[in-house]
PDB file of all heavy atoms in Angstrom:
ATOM      1  N   PRO A   1       7.454  13.294  -3.564  1.00  0.00           N
ATOM      2  CA  PRO A   1       6.133  13.890  -3.784  1.00  0.00           C
ATOM      3  C   PRO A   1       5.459  13.330  -5.033  1.00  0.00           C
ATOM      4  O   PRO A   1       6.118  12.823  -5.941  1.00  0.00           O
ATOM      5  CB  PRO A   1       6.440  15.379  -3.950  1.00  0.00           C
ATOM      6  CG  PRO A   1       7.839  15.418  -4.479  1.00  0.00           C
ATOM      7  CD  PRO A   1       8.536  14.228  -3.864  1.00  0.00           C
ATOM      8  N   SER A   2       4.146  13.423  -5.038  1.00  0.00           N
ATOM      9  CA  SER A   2       3.353  13.063  -6.213  1.00  0.00           C
ATOM     10  C   SER A   2       2.606  14.309  -6.654  1.00  0.00           C
ATOM     11  O   SER A   2       2.188  15.127  -5.828  1.00  0.00           O
ATOM     12  CB  SER A   2       2.338  11.960  -5.888  1.00  0.00           C
ATOM     13  OG  SER A   2       3.002  10.784  -5.496  1.00  0.00           O
ATOM     14  N   GLY A   3       2.415  14.444  -7.955  1.00  0.00           N
ATOM     15  CA  GLY A   3       1.757  15.624  -8.492  1.00  0.00           C
ATOM     16  C   GLY A   3       0.503  15.291  -9.265  1.00  0.00           C
ATOM     17  O   GLY A   3       0.235  14.133  -9.618  1.00  0.00           O
ATOM     18  N   HIS A   4      -0.250  16.339  -9.525  1.00  0.00           N
ATOM     19  CA  HIS A   4      -1.498  16.228 -10.269  1.00  0.00           C
ATOM     20  C   HIS A   4      -1.236  15.501 -11.601  1.00  0.00           C
ATOM     21  O   HIS A   4      -0.350  15.860 -12.349  1.00  0.00           O
ATOM     22  CB  HIS A   4      -2.055  17.634 -10.517  1.00  0.00           C
ATOM     23  CG  HIS A   4      -3.432  17.663 -11.037  1.00  0.00           C
ATOM     24  ND1 HIS A   4      -4.001  18.799 -11.541  1.00  0.00           N
ATOM     25  CD2 HIS A   4      -4.387  16.709 -11.144  1.00  0.00           C
ATOM     26  CE1 HIS A   4      -5.237  18.544 -11.928  1.00  0.00           C
ATOM     27  NE2 HIS A   4      -5.485  17.276 -11.704  1.00  0.00           N
ATOM     28  N   GLY A   5      -2.002  14.459 -11.836  1.00  0.00           N
ATOM     29  CA  GLY A   5      -1.871  13.685 -13.070  1.00  0.00           C
ATOM     30  C   GLY A   5      -0.996  12.450 -12.955  1.00  0.00           C
ATOM     31  O   GLY A   5      -1.033  11.595 -13.850  1.00  0.00           O
ATOM     32  N   ASP A   6      -0.206  12.347 -11.891  1.00  0.00           N
ATOM     33  CA  ASP A   6       0.619  11.138 -11.714  1.00  0.00           C
ATOM     34  C   ASP A   6      -0.287   9.913 -11.616  1.00  0.00           C
ATOM     35  O   ASP A   6      -1.387   9.970 -11.078  1.00  0.00           O
ATOM     36  CB  ASP A   6       1.471  11.219 -10.441  1.00  0.00           C
ATOM     37  CG  ASP A   6       2.693  12.100 -10.586  1.00  0.00           C
ATOM     38  OD1 ASP A   6       2.962  12.570 -11.709  1.00  0.00           O
ATOM     39  OD2 ASP A   6       3.379  12.318  -9.567  1.00  0.00           O
ATOM     40  N   ARG A   7       0.195   8.812 -12.128  1.00  0.00           N
ATOM     41  CA  ARG A   7      -0.537   7.553 -12.050  1.00  0.00           C
ATOM     42  C   ARG A   7       0.197   6.644 -11.065  1.00  0.00           C
ATOM     43  O   ARG A   7       1.241   6.086 -11.388  1.00  0.00           O
ATOM     44  CB  ARG A   7      -0.661   6.914 -13.419  1.00  0.00           C
ATOM     45  CG  ARG A   7      -1.515   7.776 -14.342  1.00  0.00           C
ATOM     46  CD  ARG A   7      -1.818   7.103 -15.660  1.00  0.00           C
ATOM     47  NE  ARG A   7      -2.618   7.968 -16.495  1.00  0.00           N
ATOM     48  CZ  ARG A   7      -3.948   8.073 -16.456  1.00  0.00           C
ATOM     49  NH1 ARG A   7      -4.626   7.347 -15.593  1.00  0.00           N
ATOM     50  NH2 ARG A   7      -4.596   8.881 -17.259  1.00  0.00           N
ATOM     51  N   LEU A   8      -0.380   6.572  -9.870  1.00  0.00           N
ATOM     52  CA  LEU A   8       0.216   5.773  -8.810  1.00  0.00           C
ATOM     53  C   LEU A   8      -0.266   4.335  -8.898  1.00  0.00           C
ATOM     54  O   LEU A   8      -1.344   4.056  -9.422  1.00  0.00           O
ATOM     55  CB  LEU A   8      -0.169   6.329  -7.437  1.00  0.00           C
ATOM     56  CG  LEU A   8       0.169   7.784  -7.144  1.00  0.00           C
ATOM     57  CD1 LEU A   8      -0.331   8.162  -5.758  1.00  0.00           C
ATOM     58  CD2 LEU A   8       1.658   8.035  -7.274  1.00  0.00           C
ATOM     59  N   GLU A   9       0.547   3.463  -8.367  1.00  0.00           N
ATOM     60  CA  GLU A   9       0.159   2.071  -8.171  1.00  0.00           C
ATOM     61  C   GLU A   9       0.278   1.806  -6.677  1.00  0.00           C
ATOM     62  O   GLU A   9       1.367   1.909  -6.117  1.00  0.00           O
ATOM     63  CB  GLU A   9       1.078   1.147  -8.958  1.00  0.00           C
ATOM     64  CG  GLU A   9       0.727  -0.308  -8.812  1.00  0.00           C
ATOM     65  CD  GLU A   9       1.619  -1.197  -9.651  1.00  0.00           C
ATOM     66  OE1 GLU A   9       1.263  -1.444 -10.815  1.00  0.00           O
ATOM     67  OE2 GLU A   9       2.675  -1.637  -9.144  1.00  0.00           O
ATOM     68  N   LEU A  10      -0.845   1.514  -6.044  1.00  0.00           N
ATOM     69  CA  LEU A  10      -0.840   1.159  -4.627  1.00  0.00           C
ATOM     70  C   LEU A  10      -0.840  -0.353  -4.520  1.00  0.00           C
ATOM     71  O   LEU A  10      -1.714  -1.020  -5.082  1.00  0.00           O
ATOM     72  CB  LEU A  10      -2.055   1.740  -3.906  1.00  0.00           C
ATOM     73  CG  LEU A  10      -1.923   3.200  -3.462  1.00  0.00           C
ATOM     74  CD1 LEU A  10      -2.035   4.141  -4.628  1.00  0.00           C
ATOM     75  CD2 LEU A  10      -2.938   3.524  -2.401  1.00  0.00           C
ATOM     76  N   ALA A  11       0.158  -0.888  -3.835  1.00  0.00           N
ATOM     77  CA  ALA A  11       0.296  -2.334  -3.673  1.00  0.00           C
ATOM     78  C   ALA A  11       0.169  -2.672  -2.199  1.00  0.00           C
ATOM     79  O   ALA A  11       0.962  -2.211  -1.378  1.00  0.00           O
ATOM     80  CB  ALA A  11       1.640  -2.804  -4.218  1.00  0.00           C
ATOM     81  N   LEU A  12      -0.848  -3.458  -1.868  1.00  0.00           N
ATOM     82  CA  LEU A  12      -1.142  -3.857  -0.493  1.00  0.00           C
ATOM     83  C   LEU A  12      -0.666  -5.285  -0.273  1.00  0.00           C
ATOM     84  O   LEU A  12      -0.890  -6.152  -1.114  1.00  0.00           O
ATOM     85  CB  LEU A  12      -2.650  -3.745  -0.253  1.00  0.00           C
ATOM     86  CG  LEU A  12      -3.176  -4.115   1.114  1.00  0.00           C
ATOM     87  CD1 LEU A  12      -4.388  -3.245   1.430  1.00  0.00           C
ATOM     88  CD2 LEU A  12      -3.559  -5.567   1.195  1.00  0.00           C
ATOM     89  N   ARG A  13       0.007  -5.491   0.863  1.00  0.00           N
ATOM     90  CA  ARG A  13       0.495  -6.819   1.246  1.00  0.00           C
ATOM     91  C   ARG A  13       0.047  -7.102   2.671  1.00  0.00           C
ATOM     92  O   ARG A  13       0.166  -6.245   3.547  1.00  0.00           O
ATOM     93  CB  ARG A  13       2.025  -6.808   1.176  1.00  0.00           C
ATOM     94  CG  ARG A  13       2.673  -8.081   0.829  1.00  0.00           C
ATOM     95  CD  ARG A  13       4.169  -7.907   0.556  1.00  0.00           C
ATOM     96  NE  ARG A  13       4.895  -7.167   1.558  1.00  0.00           N
ATOM     97  CZ  ARG A  13       5.420  -7.694   2.672  1.00  0.00           C
ATOM     98  NH1 ARG A  13       5.287  -8.983   2.919  1.00  0.00           N
ATOM     99  NH2 ARG A  13       6.079  -6.952   3.526  1.00  0.00           N
ATOM    100  N   CYS A  14      -0.484  -8.281   2.913  1.00  0.00           N
ATOM    101  CA  CYS A  14      -0.853  -8.713   4.266  1.00  0.00           C
ATOM    102  C   CYS A  14       0.401  -9.269   4.922  1.00  0.00           C
ATOM    103  O   CYS A  14       1.015 -10.201   4.407  1.00  0.00           O
ATOM    104  CB  CYS A  14      -1.935  -9.789   4.216  1.00  0.00           C
ATOM    105  SG  CYS A  14      -3.483  -9.226   3.486  1.00  0.00           S
ATOM    106  N   THR A  15       0.776  -8.702   6.078  1.00  0.00           N
ATOM    107  CA  THR A  15       2.034  -9.093   6.711  1.00  0.00           C
ATOM    108  C   THR A  15       1.858 -10.005   7.916  1.00  0.00           C
ATOM    109  O   THR A  15       2.766 -10.759   8.248  1.00  0.00           O
ATOM    110  CB  THR A  15       2.836  -7.850   7.133  1.00  0.00           C
ATOM    111  OG1 THR A  15       2.038  -7.055   8.015  1.00  0.00           O
ATOM    112  CG2 THR A  15       3.238  -7.029   5.911  1.00  0.00           C
ATOM    113  N   ARG A  16       0.715  -9.908   8.596  1.00  0.00           N
ATOM    114  CA  ARG A  16       0.484 -10.797   9.736  1.00  0.00           C
ATOM    115  C   ARG A  16      -1.007 -10.850  10.033  1.00  0.00           C
ATOM    116  O   ARG A  16      -1.746  -9.905   9.777  1.00  0.00           O
ATOM    117  CB  ARG A  16       1.266 -10.368  10.961  1.00  0.00           C
ATOM    118  CG  ARG A  16       0.907  -9.027  11.491  1.00  0.00           C
ATOM    119  CD  ARG A  16       1.733  -8.611  12.712  1.00  0.00           C
ATOM    120  NE  ARG A  16       1.601  -7.192  12.925  1.00  0.00           N
ATOM    121  CZ  ARG A  16       0.485  -6.572  13.294  1.00  0.00           C
ATOM    122  NH1 ARG A  16      -0.609  -7.262  13.497  1.00  0.00           N
ATOM    123  NH2 ARG A  16       0.443  -5.270  13.455  1.00  0.00           N
ATOM    124  N   LEU A  17      -1.412 -11.989  10.567  1.00  0.00           N
ATOM    125  CA  LEU A  17      -2.813 -12.213  10.910  1.00  0.00           C
ATOM    126  C   LEU A  17      -2.889 -12.643  12.359  1.00  0.00           C
ATOM    127  O   LEU A  17      -2.304 -13.651  12.749  1.00  0.00           O
ATOM    128  CB  LEU A  17      -3.412 -13.294   9.999  1.00  0.00           C
ATOM    129  CG  LEU A  17      -4.869 -13.657  10.206  1.00  0.00           C
ATOM    130  CD1 LEU A  17      -5.777 -12.460   9.981  1.00  0.00           C
ATOM    131  CD2 LEU A  17      -5.252 -14.800   9.266  1.00  0.00           C
ATOM    132  N   GLY A  18      -3.594 -11.848  13.169  1.00  0.00           N
ATOM    133  CA  GLY A  18      -3.795 -12.181  14.576  1.00  0.00           C
ATOM    134  C   GLY A  18      -5.209 -12.688  14.803  1.00  0.00           C
ATOM    135  O   GLY A  18      -5.980 -12.890  13.856  1.00  0.00           O
ATOM    136  N   ARG A  19      -5.556 -12.858  16.054  1.00  0.00           N
ATOM    137  CA  ARG A  19      -6.896 -13.334  16.407  1.00  0.00           C
ATOM    138  C   ARG A  19      -7.970 -12.414  15.825  1.00  0.00           C
ATOM    139  O   ARG A  19      -8.926 -12.866  15.213  1.00  0.00           O
ATOM    140  CB  ARG A  19      -7.031 -13.391  17.936  1.00  0.00           C
ATOM    141  CG  ARG A  19      -8.392 -13.875  18.429  1.00  0.00           C
ATOM    142  CD  ARG A  19      -8.540 -13.763  19.930  1.00  0.00           C
ATOM    143  NE  ARG A  19      -8.769 -12.399  20.370  1.00  0.00           N
ATOM    144  CZ  ARG A  19      -9.968 -11.808  20.395  1.00  0.00           C
ATOM    145  NH1 ARG A  19     -11.042 -12.469  20.033  1.00  0.00           N
ATOM    146  NH2 ARG A  19     -10.089 -10.564  20.794  1.00  0.00           N
ATOM    147  N   SER A  20      -7.789 -11.103  15.999  1.00  0.00           N
ATOM    148  CA  SER A  20      -8.742 -10.138  15.476  1.00  0.00           C
ATOM    149  C   SER A  20      -8.061  -9.003  14.717  1.00  0.00           C
ATOM    150  O   SER A  20      -8.709  -8.051  14.312  1.00  0.00           O
ATOM    151  CB  SER A  20      -9.583  -9.549  16.624  1.00  0.00           C
ATOM    152  OG  SER A  20      -8.752  -8.853  17.531  1.00  0.00           O
ATOM    153  N   SER A  21      -6.757  -9.108  14.514  1.00  0.00           N
ATOM    154  CA  SER A  21      -6.013  -8.031  13.857  1.00  0.00           C
ATOM    155  C   SER A  21      -5.410  -8.496  12.536  1.00  0.00           C
ATOM    156  O   SER A  21      -5.280  -9.694  12.274  1.00  0.00           O
ATOM    157  CB  SER A  21      -4.904  -7.512  14.771  1.00  0.00           C
ATOM    158  OG  SER A  21      -3.946  -8.520  15.001  1.00  0.00           O
ATOM    159  N   LEU A  22      -5.045  -7.519  11.720  1.00  0.00           N
ATOM    160  CA  LEU A  22      -4.410  -7.774  10.429  1.00  0.00           C
ATOM    161  C   LEU A  22      -3.362  -6.712  10.197  1.00  0.00           C
ATOM    162  O   LEU A  22      -3.663  -5.510  10.249  1.00  0.00           O
ATOM    163  CB  LEU A  22      -5.451  -7.732   9.302  1.00  0.00           C
ATOM    164  CG  LEU A  22      -4.925  -7.875   7.879  1.00  0.00           C
ATOM    165  CD1 LEU A  22      -4.313  -9.262   7.658  1.00  0.00           C
ATOM    166  CD2 LEU A  22      -6.035  -7.610   6.869  1.00  0.00           C
ATOM    167  N   GLY A  23      -2.123  -7.138   9.974  1.00  0.00           N
ATOM    168  CA  GLY A  23      -1.049  -6.215   9.634  1.00  0.00           C
ATOM    169  C   GLY A  23      -0.976  -6.048   8.132  1.00  0.00           C
ATOM    170  O   GLY A  23      -1.052  -7.029   7.383  1.00  0.00           O
ATOM    171  N   LEU A  24      -0.839  -4.798   7.689  1.00  0.00           N
ATOM    172  CA  LEU A  24      -0.764  -4.493   6.263  1.00  0.00           C
ATOM    173  C   LEU A  24       0.438  -3.612   5.969  1.00  0.00           C
ATOM    174  O   LEU A  24       0.875  -2.834   6.812  1.00  0.00           O
ATOM    175  CB  LEU A  24      -2.022  -3.738   5.805  1.00  0.00           C
ATOM    176  CG  LEU A  24      -3.361  -4.430   5.941  1.00  0.00           C
ATOM    177  CD1 LEU A  24      -4.485  -3.480   5.561  1.00  0.00           C
ATOM    178  CD2 LEU A  24      -3.396  -5.688   5.098  1.00  0.00           C
ATOM    179  N   GLU A  25       0.923  -3.739   4.747  1.00  0.00           N
ATOM    180  CA  GLU A  25       1.922  -2.829   4.212  1.00  0.00           C
ATOM    181  C   GLU A  25       1.371  -2.337   2.880  1.00  0.00           C
ATOM    182  O   GLU A  25       0.938  -3.149   2.051  1.00  0.00           O
ATOM    183  CB  GLU A  25       3.252  -3.547   4.002  1.00  0.00           C
ATOM    184  CG  GLU A  25       4.322  -2.653   3.413  1.00  0.00           C
ATOM    185  CD  GLU A  25       5.602  -3.422   3.167  1.00  0.00           C
ATOM    186  OE1 GLU A  25       6.434  -3.493   4.089  1.00  0.00           O
ATOM    187  OE2 GLU A  25       5.740  -3.963   2.048  1.00  0.00           O
ATOM    188  N   THR A  26       1.350  -1.037   2.696  1.00  0.00           N
ATOM    189  CA  THR A  26       0.865  -0.455   1.452  1.00  0.00           C
ATOM    190  C   THR A  26       1.962   0.435   0.893  1.00  0.00           C
ATOM    191  O   THR A  26       2.427   1.356   1.571  1.00  0.00           O
ATOM    192  CB  THR A  26      -0.413   0.380   1.676  1.00  0.00           C
ATOM    193  OG1 THR A  26      -1.371  -0.424   2.354  1.00  0.00           O
ATOM    194  CG2 THR A  26      -0.988   0.847   0.348  1.00  0.00           C
ATOM    195  N   GLU A  27       2.367   0.137  -0.332  1.00  0.00           N
ATOM    196  CA  GLU A  27       3.411   0.919  -0.993  1.00  0.00           C
ATOM    197  C   GLU A  27       2.823   1.582  -2.228  1.00  0.00           C
ATOM    198  O   GLU A  27       2.129   0.934  -3.011  1.00  0.00           O
ATOM    199  CB  GLU A  27       4.574   0.010  -1.396  1.00  0.00           C
ATOM    200  CG  GLU A  27       5.689   0.753  -2.096  1.00  0.00           C
ATOM    201  CD  GLU A  27       6.824  -0.152  -2.541  1.00  0.00           C
ATOM    202  OE1 GLU A  27       6.542  -1.287  -2.970  1.00  0.00           O
ATOM    203  OE2 GLU A  27       7.975   0.278  -2.453  1.00  0.00           O
ATOM    204  N   ALA A  28       3.122   2.870  -2.386  1.00  0.00           N
ATOM    205  CA  ALA A  28       2.704   3.589  -3.589  1.00  0.00           C
ATOM    206  C   ALA A  28       3.935   3.897  -4.422  1.00  0.00           C
ATOM    207  O   ALA A  28       4.939   4.400  -3.905  1.00  0.00           O
ATOM    208  CB  ALA A  28       1.982   4.880  -3.230  1.00  0.00           C
ATOM    209  N   THR A  29       3.840   3.566  -5.708  1.00  0.00           N
ATOM    210  CA  THR A  29       4.924   3.872  -6.642  1.00  0.00           C
ATOM    211  C   THR A  29       4.350   4.578  -7.862  1.00  0.00           C
ATOM    212  O   THR A  29       3.149   4.491  -8.153  1.00  0.00           O
ATOM    213  CB  THR A  29       5.663   2.594  -7.100  1.00  0.00           C
ATOM    214  OG1 THR A  29       4.721   1.709  -7.698  1.00  0.00           O
ATOM    215  CG2 THR A  29       6.357   1.904  -5.930  1.00  0.00           C
ATOM    216  N   CYS A  30       5.216   5.262  -8.565  1.00  0.00           N
ATOM    217  CA  CYS A  30       4.865   5.899  -9.831  1.00  0.00           C
ATOM    218  C   CYS A  30       6.074   5.745 -10.747  1.00  0.00           C
ATOM    219  O   CYS A  30       7.161   6.229 -10.419  1.00  0.00           O
ATOM    220  CB  CYS A  30       4.518   7.371  -9.621  1.00  0.00           C
ATOM    221  SG  CYS A  30       4.025   8.232 -11.137  1.00  0.00           S
ATOM    222  N   GLY A  31       5.882   5.039 -11.840  1.00  0.00           N
ATOM    223  CA  GLY A  31       6.988   4.812 -12.756  1.00  0.00           C
ATOM    224  C   GLY A  31       8.163   4.122 -12.088  1.00  0.00           C
ATOM    225  O   GLY A  31       9.315   4.387 -12.421  1.00  0.00           O
TER     226      GLY A  31
END
């Protein structure tokens, strides 16, 4: 869980590229 005041870091990574699609992975971390 994350709580009020936590400072998250969202990291987005492109995992695959199709003709019209895009695969993404998004990870949130705190400390």
